[in-house]
Every structure is written in structure tokens, then in C-alpha cells.
Amino acid sequence: SQGNMLAAQRLFAKVTKVAPRFIYGWSQLGNTQVALGALTPAEDSYTRAIDLCIESRKEEEKFGVPRCNDLYLLYLNRGSLRMNNKMAKEALSDLERADGLRAKPDAIILQNRARARELNGLYAAADRDYTVAISMTSNE
């Protein structure tokens, strides 16, 4: 229910204040903001999570300790949000990054990227993504 989502949003807002470098606090805050229709604040939350994840991945290179392995998912979430917030060019950029980071075909990324390509007038590329996504999910 919306009451539970509001409670979750308040909780994750507190988490980001107490632990401002906690990547998943920011991404979950973004998820709750999207669910409540607050797309601009959600984009800011996803962007913060992406920035922290990128920073974390640099630390991984230094110390060999895995930190953030979900950068593709953060880009997917922000790209999907941007697509629904009339930011087709930026959405496509995020979804291209998500696909490149995923390292294997992902039907959800392909479906979203196909729609973003369509919104950007790249119809042949959109058709290819839709075709692959459909072929991946036809047996489910």
C-alpha cells in the first residue's frame, strides 16, 4: 500500500542521512520515490547511488575487495526512470551502459533499451533488441 511505501521512503531517507555513502540506501530511496511518482528526486537518488558505486569500483581495483557489482542495475533503474520522465536521449545512454556492464544478454535491459531506441528514432536497432528480448522470454 502507499502507506507502507511512504514508511519505506522515510526509512531510506534516514538511512541515507545516517550512512550517506551506503549505495543501496540511495538506490532503495530511489525505488520508493519512483513508486510514489517523485521522479526528479528519484533520479537524484539513483545518480548518487551510481556515483558511489563507481567510486566503490575504483576502490575495488586498488584493494581487490569487491564492493559494488550492481552498477548495471543502477543504470537500468535510472534509464527506465528517465525514459518515463521524457528524457529519451539520457535514458538510452544509461541503458547502453547497463547493457555493456551486464556482460550477458538481459531481456529486461533489452526491452527497455528497445523502447529508448524507439523514442530516439532508432527503429532498426529497437527492432533488433525487441527480437532478442522476445526470443529470450518466449520459453518462460
Protein backbone atom coordinates (compact mmCIF):
# COMPACT_ATOMS: atom_id res chain seq x y z
CA SER A 1 0.00 0.00 0.00
CA GLN A 2 1.01 3.62 -0.34
CA GLY A 3 1.32 3.95 3.44
CA ASN A 4 3.94 1.22 3.50
CA MET A 5 5.78 2.85 0.62
CA LEU A 6 5.78 6.20 2.44
CA ALA A 7 7.14 4.48 5.54
CA ALA A 8 9.83 2.81 3.43
CA GLN A 9 10.73 6.14 1.86
CA ARG A 10 11.09 7.74 5.29
CA LEU A 11 13.25 4.82 6.43
CA PHE A 12 15.59 5.02 3.43
CA ALA A 13 15.79 8.81 3.74
CA LYS A 14 17.01 8.26 7.32
CA VAL A 15 19.44 5.57 6.14
CA THR A 16 20.99 7.99 3.64
CA LYS A 17 21.41 10.60 6.36
CA VAL A 18 22.99 8.17 8.83
CA ALA A 19 25.12 6.41 6.19
CA PRO A 20 25.44 8.82 3.23
CA ARG A 21 27.93 6.55 1.44
CA PHE A 22 25.66 3.47 1.54
CA ILE A 23 24.95 2.77 -2.14
CA TYR A 24 21.89 0.61 -1.55
CA GLY A 25 20.30 3.16 0.79
CA TRP A 26 20.30 5.61 -2.11
CA SER A 27 19.08 3.06 -4.68
CA GLN A 28 16.26 1.89 -2.41
CA LEU A 29 15.30 5.50 -1.69
CA GLY A 30 15.12 5.99 -5.45
CA ASN A 31 12.92 2.91 -5.81
CA THR A 32 10.46 4.23 -3.22
CA GLN A 33 10.46 7.68 -4.83
CA VAL A 34 9.65 6.14 -8.22
CA ALA A 35 6.82 4.11 -6.70
CA LEU A 36 5.39 7.32 -5.23
CA GLY A 37 5.78 9.23 -8.51
CA ALA A 38 8.59 11.55 -7.37
CA LEU A 39 10.72 11.07 -10.47
CA THR A 40 13.09 14.04 -10.15
CA PRO A 41 14.15 13.21 -6.57
CA ALA A 42 14.40 9.55 -7.61
CA GLU A 43 16.77 10.46 -10.43
CA ASP A 44 18.92 12.34 -7.92
CA SER A 45 18.94 9.29 -5.60
CA TYR A 46 19.88 6.89 -8.42
CA THR A 47 22.60 9.29 -9.58
CA ARG A 48 24.05 9.39 -6.06
CA ALA A 49 23.99 5.57 -5.94
CA ILE A 50 25.70 5.39 -9.35
CA ASP A 51 28.40 7.86 -8.30
CA LEU A 52 29.05 5.92 -5.09
CA CYS A 53 29.12 2.61 -6.96
CA ILE A 54 31.64 3.95 -9.49
CA GLU A 55 33.78 5.24 -6.63
CA SER A 56 33.48 1.86 -4.89
CA ARG A 57 34.57 0.03 -8.04
CA LYS A 58 37.72 2.16 -8.15
CA GLU A 59 38.44 1.12 -4.57
CA GLU A 60 37.98 -2.50 -5.62
CA GLU A 61 40.70 -2.07 -8.20
CA LYS A 62 43.02 -0.72 -5.52
CA PHE A 63 42.37 -3.25 -2.79
CA GLY A 64 40.95 -6.27 -4.63
CA VAL A 65 37.83 -6.26 -2.46
CA PRO A 66 34.54 -6.45 -4.38
CA ARG A 67 32.35 -3.51 -3.47
CA CYS A 68 29.53 -2.72 -5.89
CA ASN A 69 28.64 -5.28 -8.52
CA ASP A 70 25.24 -3.83 -9.39
CA LEU A 71 26.20 -0.78 -11.43
CA TYR A 72 24.33 -2.19 -14.44
CA LEU A 73 21.14 -2.39 -12.33
CA LEU A 74 21.52 1.18 -11.12
CA TYR A 75 21.88 2.37 -14.72
CA LEU A 76 18.87 0.23 -15.71
CA ASN A 77 16.74 1.80 -12.99
CA ARG A 78 17.80 5.36 -13.79
CA GLY A 79 17.46 4.73 -17.53
CA SER A 80 13.93 3.39 -17.10
CA LEU A 81 13.05 6.38 -14.94
CA ARG A 82 14.50 8.82 -17.46
CA MET A 83 12.56 7.17 -20.27
CA ASN A 84 9.35 7.74 -18.32
CA ASN A 85 10.39 11.30 -17.46
CA LYS A 86 10.69 12.42 -21.10
CA MET A 87 14.49 12.18 -21.17
CA ALA A 88 14.85 9.71 -24.05
CA LYS A 89 18.45 10.58 -25.00
CA GLU A 90 19.71 10.29 -21.41
CA ALA A 91 17.68 7.10 -20.93
CA LEU A 92 19.32 5.50 -23.94
CA SER A 93 22.76 6.43 -22.66
CA ASP A 94 22.04 4.78 -19.28
CA LEU A 95 20.57 1.68 -20.89
CA GLU A 96 23.57 1.33 -23.22
CA ARG A 97 25.81 1.46 -20.14
CA ALA A 98 23.64 -1.10 -18.34
CA ASP A 99 23.91 -3.46 -21.31
CA GLY A 100 27.67 -3.04 -21.55
CA LEU A 101 28.16 -3.71 -17.85
CA ARG A 102 25.83 -6.72 -17.71
CA ALA A 103 28.25 -8.84 -19.79
CA LYS A 104 25.43 -11.13 -20.96
CA PRO A 105 22.14 -10.56 -22.73
CA ASP A 106 19.42 -9.42 -20.34
CA ALA A 107 15.81 -9.37 -21.55
CA ILE A 108 14.77 -6.53 -19.22
CA ILE A 109 17.64 -4.31 -20.33
CA LEU A 110 16.94 -5.17 -23.97
CA GLN A 111 13.21 -4.38 -23.65
CA ASN A 112 13.93 -1.03 -22.03
CA ARG A 113 16.73 -0.17 -24.43
CA ALA A 114 14.50 -1.08 -27.36
CA ARG A 115 11.87 1.38 -26.14
CA ALA A 116 14.53 4.08 -25.60
CA ARG A 117 15.90 3.47 -29.09
CA GLU A 118 12.39 3.74 -30.47
CA LEU A 119 11.87 7.07 -28.65
CA ASN A 120 15.15 8.27 -30.18
CA GLY A 121 14.08 7.27 -33.71
CA LEU A 122 16.48 4.30 -33.93
CA TYR A 123 13.85 1.88 -35.22
CA ALA A 124 16.05 -0.82 -36.76
CA ALA A 125 18.14 -1.08 -33.59
CA ALA A 126 14.95 -1.11 -31.47
CA ASP A 127 13.58 -3.94 -33.60
CA ARG A 128 16.75 -5.98 -33.07
CA ASP A 129 16.55 -5.50 -29.29
CA TYR A 130 12.87 -6.43 -29.21
CA THR A 131 13.55 -9.54 -31.31
CA VAL A 132 16.32 -10.77 -28.99
CA ALA A 133 14.29 -9.95 -25.85
CA ILE A 134 11.27 -11.85 -27.19
CA SER A 135 13.40 -14.84 -28.15
CA MET A 136 14.87 -14.91 -24.63
CA THR A 137 11.48 -14.81 -22.90
CA SER A 138 9.40 -16.96 -25.29
CA ASN A 139 10.13 -20.12 -23.29
CA GLU A 140 9.26 -18.66 -19.89
